[in-house]
Amino acid sequence: MKETINYYYKVYPDKIYEINSGVYFYFNDFKYYFIEFTRTKEEINLLVKISNDLYNKHVLVNTFILTKDNNYFVELNDKIMILLRVNSIESDTNTLKDLIYFNNLLITDDCTKTESWASLWAKKVDIFESEMNNLNNDYLLVQESIDYYIGLTENAISYFNLVDLKNVKLSLCHKRLNKYLYSGLINNPINFMFDYEVRDIAEYIKTKFFTSYIDFDEIESVLNKLNRDNSILLFCRLMYPSYYFDEVKKIMEEDYNEKKLKFYIDKVDDFENLLFDIYEIINKKYNIPPISWLENKN
């Protein structure tokens, strides 16, 4: 791997350190990641432009490094590899305020730039239901639990369909927010995307719920600033079990231990309580449609 970095980038680190998807190293007082890029090659140029624009505005996101052939990626053993320079202190302790500030760095009201969540989620449900039909005694925990999470997704879709998308914007968001992202939660451009502006807020709340603790004062102060459509979008994104489907995908594609799902399954009651509490906060202001099973539970 060191020889590859030497050849393509004319960078000569003394030592490299292996990580799951590649390596990292230090060179000329900067940290670098040479890692796999799992999105499409077509997305690289957009992410390069976003990260360079932000960096030129003194926002210290990570930046892509060109190869000796003026490319932003290397094709290696059927993988797309990129070199990123880390330009700030790595941290996974960003606050919700930090995240919202970041989201507001780039905003557009052109919602045609993203596919609706309802459409994306319906396709995902169709895929998982089809895969379940082909299983026998494999992945029993997935088979026992997935109907509940599909039900949550269908509730989320019904809420999404209440939203008037003319009243929401797209902003710079992240595919996921978790402590396993290289170089912190928000500064890694391979995690950037444009999406409805409350995406990151919802994913932040879910991440905090499953890894740390929920600060309801922090959440309520944010909810009170949202319009009705963004409030509904936030709630439907909270219902959508991205955390569960991410694990199922790893289980079925990477032979991941399905017992990891128990961590989420065991927290179903507590998460439903969280949903109800946030529903109550929103409902005080906007009187959104109820979810009968959630109200009956409480």
Protein backbone atom coordinates (compact mmCIF):
# COMPACT_ATOMS: atom_id res chain seq x y z
CA MET A 1 0.00 0.00 0.00
CA LYS A 2 2.86 2.38 0.76
CA GLU A 3 4.27 1.81 -2.73
CA THR A 4 0.87 2.60 -4.24
CA ILE A 5 0.71 5.91 -2.36
CA ASN A 6 4.29 6.70 -3.39
CA TYR A 7 3.55 5.95 -7.04
CA TYR A 8 0.21 7.70 -7.50
CA TYR A 9 0.63 10.69 -5.19
CA LYS A 10 4.38 11.23 -4.91
CA VAL A 11 3.90 11.22 -1.15
CA TYR A 12 6.39 9.27 0.95
CA PRO A 13 5.19 8.59 4.50
CA ASP A 14 7.56 6.86 6.90
CA LYS A 15 4.84 4.61 8.26
CA ILE A 16 1.25 3.75 7.40
CA TYR A 17 -1.47 2.39 9.71
CA GLU A 18 -4.14 -0.03 8.53
CA ILE A 19 -7.84 0.64 9.02
CA ASN A 20 -10.90 -1.22 7.77
CA SER A 21 -11.14 0.38 4.34
CA GLY A 22 -7.53 1.39 3.75
CA VAL A 23 -4.75 3.14 5.67
CA TYR A 24 -3.88 6.44 7.29
CA PHE A 25 -0.53 8.15 7.72
CA TYR A 26 1.14 11.43 8.66
CA PHE A 27 3.17 13.51 6.25
CA ASN A 28 4.43 17.11 6.48
CA ASP A 29 2.37 17.78 9.62
CA PHE A 30 -0.91 16.60 8.10
CA LYS A 31 -2.86 13.41 8.58
CA TYR A 32 -4.06 11.59 5.47
CA TYR A 33 -6.54 8.80 4.74
CA PHE A 34 -6.11 6.52 1.73
CA ILE A 35 -9.46 4.76 1.84
CA GLU A 36 -12.09 3.09 -0.27
CA PHE A 37 -14.75 5.30 -1.84
CA THR A 38 -18.01 3.36 -1.90
CA ARG A 39 -20.11 5.87 -3.81
CA THR A 40 -20.04 6.31 -7.60
CA LYS A 41 -17.15 7.85 -9.48
CA GLU A 42 -19.58 10.43 -10.85
CA GLU A 43 -20.14 11.79 -7.34
CA ILE A 44 -16.47 12.49 -6.70
CA ASN A 45 -16.29 15.74 -8.71
CA LEU A 46 -19.28 17.20 -6.85
CA LEU A 47 -17.79 16.27 -3.47
CA VAL A 48 -14.43 17.73 -4.53
CA LYS A 49 -16.12 21.00 -5.49
CA ILE A 50 -18.11 21.17 -2.24
CA SER A 51 -15.10 20.44 -0.04
CA ASN A 52 -12.83 22.88 -1.91
CA ASP A 53 -15.46 25.64 -1.80
CA LEU A 54 -15.90 25.17 1.93
CA TYR A 55 -12.16 25.02 2.56
CA ASN A 56 -11.65 28.22 0.58
CA LYS A 57 -14.22 29.84 2.88
CA HIS A 58 -12.09 28.72 5.86
CA VAL A 59 -14.35 25.82 6.80
CA LEU A 60 -11.80 23.17 7.69
CA VAL A 61 -13.30 20.12 6.05
CA ASN A 62 -11.11 17.35 4.68
CA THR A 63 -9.97 17.82 1.09
CA PHE A 64 -9.30 15.44 -1.80
CA ILE A 65 -5.73 15.11 -3.08
CA LEU A 66 -4.95 14.79 -6.78
CA THR A 67 -2.89 11.92 -8.16
CA LYS A 68 0.15 12.51 -10.34
CA ASP A 69 -2.21 12.02 -13.31
CA ASN A 70 -4.61 14.74 -12.09
CA ASN A 71 -7.32 12.35 -10.97
CA TYR A 72 -9.10 12.38 -7.62
CA PHE A 73 -9.24 8.61 -7.33
CA VAL A 74 -7.25 5.46 -7.98
CA GLU A 75 -8.78 2.20 -9.21
CA LEU A 76 -7.14 -0.60 -7.27
CA ASN A 77 -8.24 -4.27 -7.19
CA ASP A 78 -11.78 -3.40 -8.33
CA LYS A 79 -12.03 -0.68 -5.69
CA ILE A 80 -12.10 3.09 -5.99
CA MET A 81 -9.54 4.58 -3.59
CA ILE A 82 -9.15 8.24 -2.64
CA LEU A 83 -6.63 10.24 -0.64
CA LEU A 84 -8.03 12.76 1.86
CA ARG A 85 -6.08 15.34 3.84
CA VAL A 86 -7.40 16.07 7.34
CA ASN A 87 -7.50 19.83 7.88
CA SER A 88 -8.95 20.09 11.38
CA ILE A 89 -8.97 18.35 14.73
CA GLU A 90 -10.82 15.05 14.47
CA SER A 91 -13.85 14.96 16.72
CA ASP A 92 -17.06 12.98 17.15
CA THR A 93 -18.40 15.33 19.84
CA ASN A 94 -20.11 17.91 17.65
CA THR A 95 -23.26 19.42 19.13
CA LEU A 96 -26.60 19.86 17.42
CA LYS A 97 -25.79 23.56 17.18
CA ASP A 98 -22.53 22.73 15.34
CA LEU A 99 -24.44 20.49 12.98
CA ILE A 100 -27.12 23.05 12.14
CA TYR A 101 -24.44 25.66 11.49
CA PHE A 102 -22.78 23.24 9.09
CA ASN A 103 -26.08 22.45 7.34
CA ASN A 104 -26.64 26.15 6.70
CA LEU A 105 -23.34 26.61 4.88
CA LEU A 106 -24.93 25.47 1.61
CA ILE A 107 -28.69 25.66 1.03
CA THR A 108 -30.97 25.41 -1.99
CA ASP A 109 -34.75 25.41 -2.37
CA ASP A 110 -34.57 23.19 -5.47
CA CYS A 111 -36.00 19.94 -4.08
CA THR A 112 -35.73 18.28 -7.50
CA LYS A 113 -32.09 17.60 -6.62
CA THR A 114 -33.04 14.71 -4.35
CA GLU A 115 -35.44 11.79 -4.58
CA SER A 116 -38.27 11.90 -2.08
CA TRP A 117 -37.77 9.88 1.10
CA ALA A 118 -41.12 8.20 0.54
CA SER A 119 -39.95 6.84 -2.81
CA LEU A 120 -36.56 5.74 -1.49
CA TRP A 121 -38.03 4.04 1.57
CA ALA A 122 -40.73 2.25 -0.43
CA LYS A 123 -38.05 0.84 -2.73
CA LYS A 124 -36.01 -0.31 0.26
CA VAL A 125 -39.02 -2.06 1.80
CA ASP A 126 -39.72 -3.80 -1.52
CA ILE A 127 -36.11 -5.03 -1.69
CA PHE A 128 -36.09 -6.38 1.85
CA GLU A 129 -39.48 -8.04 1.47
CA SER A 130 -38.25 -9.74 -1.69
CA GLU A 131 -35.10 -10.94 0.06
CA MET A 132 -37.09 -12.28 2.99
CA ASN A 133 -39.15 -14.42 0.63
CA ASN A 134 -35.98 -16.21 -0.46
CA LEU A 135 -34.77 -17.09 3.03
CA ASN A 136 -35.35 -20.42 4.74
CA ASN A 137 -33.69 -20.80 8.13
CA ASP A 138 -31.11 -18.09 7.52
CA TYR A 139 -31.09 -14.85 9.47
CA LEU A 140 -33.88 -15.86 11.83
CA LEU A 141 -33.53 -12.75 13.99
CA VAL A 142 -33.92 -10.57 10.92
CA GLN A 143 -36.99 -12.53 9.84
CA GLU A 144 -38.54 -12.25 13.31
CA SER A 145 -38.01 -8.51 13.63
CA ILE A 146 -38.20 -6.96 10.17
CA ASP A 147 -42.01 -6.69 9.95
CA TYR A 148 -42.02 -4.26 12.89
CA TYR A 149 -39.44 -2.01 11.23
CA ILE A 150 -41.21 -2.19 7.88
CA GLY A 151 -44.32 -1.05 9.74
CA LEU A 152 -42.38 1.91 11.16
CA THR A 153 -41.21 2.76 7.66
CA GLU A 154 -44.76 2.67 6.31
CA ASN A 155 -45.82 5.07 9.08
CA ALA A 156 -42.89 7.31 8.15
CA ILE A 157 -43.94 7.28 4.49
CA SER A 158 -47.52 8.26 5.39
CA TYR A 159 -46.18 11.25 7.34
CA PHE A 160 -43.84 12.25 4.53
CA ASN A 161 -46.80 12.39 2.16
CA LEU A 162 -48.35 15.12 4.34
CA VAL A 163 -45.47 17.51 3.64
CA ASP A 164 -45.67 20.38 1.17
CA LEU A 165 -42.14 20.28 -0.22
CA LYS A 166 -42.44 23.89 -1.41
CA ASN A 167 -41.98 24.86 2.24
CA VAL A 168 -38.68 23.03 2.81
CA LYS A 169 -35.14 23.46 1.57
CA LEU A 170 -32.22 21.23 0.74
CA SER A 171 -29.04 21.75 2.67
CA LEU A 172 -25.60 20.23 3.00
CA CYS A 173 -26.15 17.07 5.04
CA HIS A 174 -24.46 13.75 5.80
CA LYS A 175 -25.27 10.20 4.80
CA ARG A 176 -24.81 9.06 8.38
CA LEU A 177 -23.74 10.52 11.71
CA ASN A 178 -21.90 8.04 13.88
CA LYS A 179 -18.65 7.70 15.77
CA TYR A 180 -17.25 5.22 13.25
CA LEU A 181 -16.78 7.82 10.52
CA TYR A 182 -13.16 8.67 9.88
CA SER A 183 -12.16 12.21 10.84
CA GLY A 184 -15.13 13.00 12.99
CA LEU A 185 -18.83 13.33 12.40
CA ILE A 186 -19.14 16.27 10.03
CA ASN A 187 -15.87 17.10 8.23
CA ASN A 188 -15.43 14.11 5.94
CA PRO A 189 -16.63 14.96 2.39
CA ILE A 190 -17.23 11.35 1.38
CA ASN A 191 -20.16 11.56 3.80
CA PHE A 192 -21.61 14.77 2.28
CA MET A 193 -24.90 14.94 0.41
CA PHE A 194 -27.72 17.39 -0.26
CA ASP A 195 -31.00 16.47 1.38
CA TYR A 196 -33.97 17.94 3.22
CA GLU A 197 -32.57 20.25 5.85
CA VAL A 198 -33.81 18.30 8.89
CA ARG A 199 -32.14 15.01 7.86
CA ASP A 200 -29.07 15.60 10.03
CA ILE A 201 -31.10 16.73 13.02
CA ALA A 202 -33.11 13.50 12.97
CA GLU A 203 -30.05 11.31 12.47
CA TYR A 204 -28.27 13.17 15.27
CA ILE A 205 -31.17 12.46 17.65
CA LYS A 206 -31.20 8.76 16.71
CA THR A 207 -27.44 8.50 17.10
CA LYS A 208 -27.54 10.19 20.49
CA PHE A 209 -30.35 7.93 21.63
CA PHE A 210 -28.45 4.75 20.79
CA THR A 211 -24.94 5.83 21.83
CA SER A 212 -25.19 8.47 24.52
CA TYR A 213 -28.10 10.41 25.98
CA ILE A 214 -30.85 12.74 24.77
CA ASP A 215 -30.83 16.40 25.76
CA PHE A 216 -34.51 17.32 25.45
CA ASP A 217 -33.88 21.01 26.10
CA GLU A 218 -31.54 21.02 23.10
CA ILE A 219 -34.07 19.18 20.93
CA GLU A 220 -37.07 21.26 21.99
CA SER A 221 -35.23 24.52 21.24
CA VAL A 222 -34.61 23.26 17.70
CA LEU A 223 -38.15 21.96 17.20
CA ASN A 224 -39.61 25.31 18.22
CA LYS A 225 -37.80 26.97 15.30
CA LEU A 226 -39.09 24.61 12.61
CA ASN A 227 -42.10 25.27 10.41
CA ARG A 228 -44.89 22.68 10.23
CA ASP A 229 -43.57 20.86 7.18
CA ASN A 230 -40.05 20.58 8.54
CA SER A 231 -41.46 19.38 11.86
CA ILE A 232 -43.33 16.58 10.09
CA LEU A 233 -40.25 15.74 8.00
CA LEU A 234 -38.18 15.52 11.16
CA PHE A 235 -40.70 13.23 12.82
CA CYS A 236 -41.01 10.90 9.83
CA ARG A 237 -37.20 10.72 9.58
CA LEU A 238 -37.07 9.75 13.25
CA MET A 239 -39.56 6.96 12.62
CA TYR A 240 -37.58 5.65 9.68
CA PRO A 241 -35.28 2.94 11.18
CA SER A 242 -32.09 3.72 9.26
CA TYR A 243 -30.06 2.16 12.09
CA TYR A 244 -31.88 -1.17 11.74
CA PHE A 245 -31.71 -1.36 7.94
CA ASP A 246 -27.99 -0.46 8.01
CA GLU A 247 -27.35 -3.46 10.27
CA VAL A 248 -29.51 -5.79 8.17
CA LYS A 249 -27.62 -4.78 5.05
CA LYS A 250 -24.30 -5.60 6.72
CA ILE A 251 -25.69 -8.91 7.97
CA MET A 252 -26.86 -9.99 4.54
CA GLU A 253 -24.02 -8.57 2.45
CA GLU A 254 -21.00 -8.81 4.73
CA ASP A 255 -21.83 -11.83 6.89
CA TYR A 256 -22.13 -9.54 9.90
CA ASN A 257 -23.23 -11.20 13.15
CA GLU A 258 -27.01 -10.79 13.29
CA LYS A 259 -26.94 -10.82 17.09
CA LYS A 260 -25.88 -7.17 16.77
CA LEU A 261 -29.54 -6.47 15.97
CA LYS A 262 -30.53 -7.29 19.55
CA PHE A 263 -28.99 -4.02 20.68
CA TYR A 264 -31.70 -2.17 18.72
CA ILE A 265 -34.51 -4.64 19.26
CA ASP A 266 -34.04 -4.48 23.04
CA LYS A 267 -34.51 -0.71 22.91
CA VAL A 268 -37.81 -0.72 21.01
CA ASP A 269 -39.94 0.37 23.99
CA ASP A 270 -37.57 3.18 24.94
CA PHE A 271 -37.39 4.40 21.35
CA GLU A 272 -41.18 4.41 21.07
CA ASN A 273 -41.25 6.56 24.20
CA LEU A 274 -38.81 8.95 22.53
CA LEU A 275 -41.03 9.12 19.44
CA PHE A 276 -44.07 9.84 21.59
CA ASP A 277 -42.27 12.60 23.54
CA ILE A 278 -41.16 14.31 20.33
CA TYR A 279 -44.61 13.89 18.81
CA GLU A 280 -46.04 15.65 21.88
CA ILE A 281 -43.61 18.56 21.51
CA ILE A 282 -44.51 19.02 17.84
CA ASN A 283 -48.23 18.51 18.41
CA LYS A 284 -48.40 21.34 20.93
CA LYS A 285 -47.51 23.77 18.14
CA TYR A 286 -48.87 22.25 14.94
CA ASN A 287 -51.52 19.65 15.78
CA ILE A 288 -50.12 16.97 13.49
CA PRO A 289 -52.05 13.73 12.79
CA PRO A 290 -51.81 11.14 15.59
CA ILE A 291 -50.34 7.66 15.39
CA SER A 292 -52.88 5.56 17.22
CA TRP A 293 -50.59 2.71 18.28
CA LEU A 294 -48.10 5.22 19.69
CA GLU A 295 -50.75 7.12 21.64
CA ASN A 296 -52.38 3.92 22.93
CA LYS A 297 -49.02 2.68 24.19
CA ASN A 298 -48.69 5.79 26.33
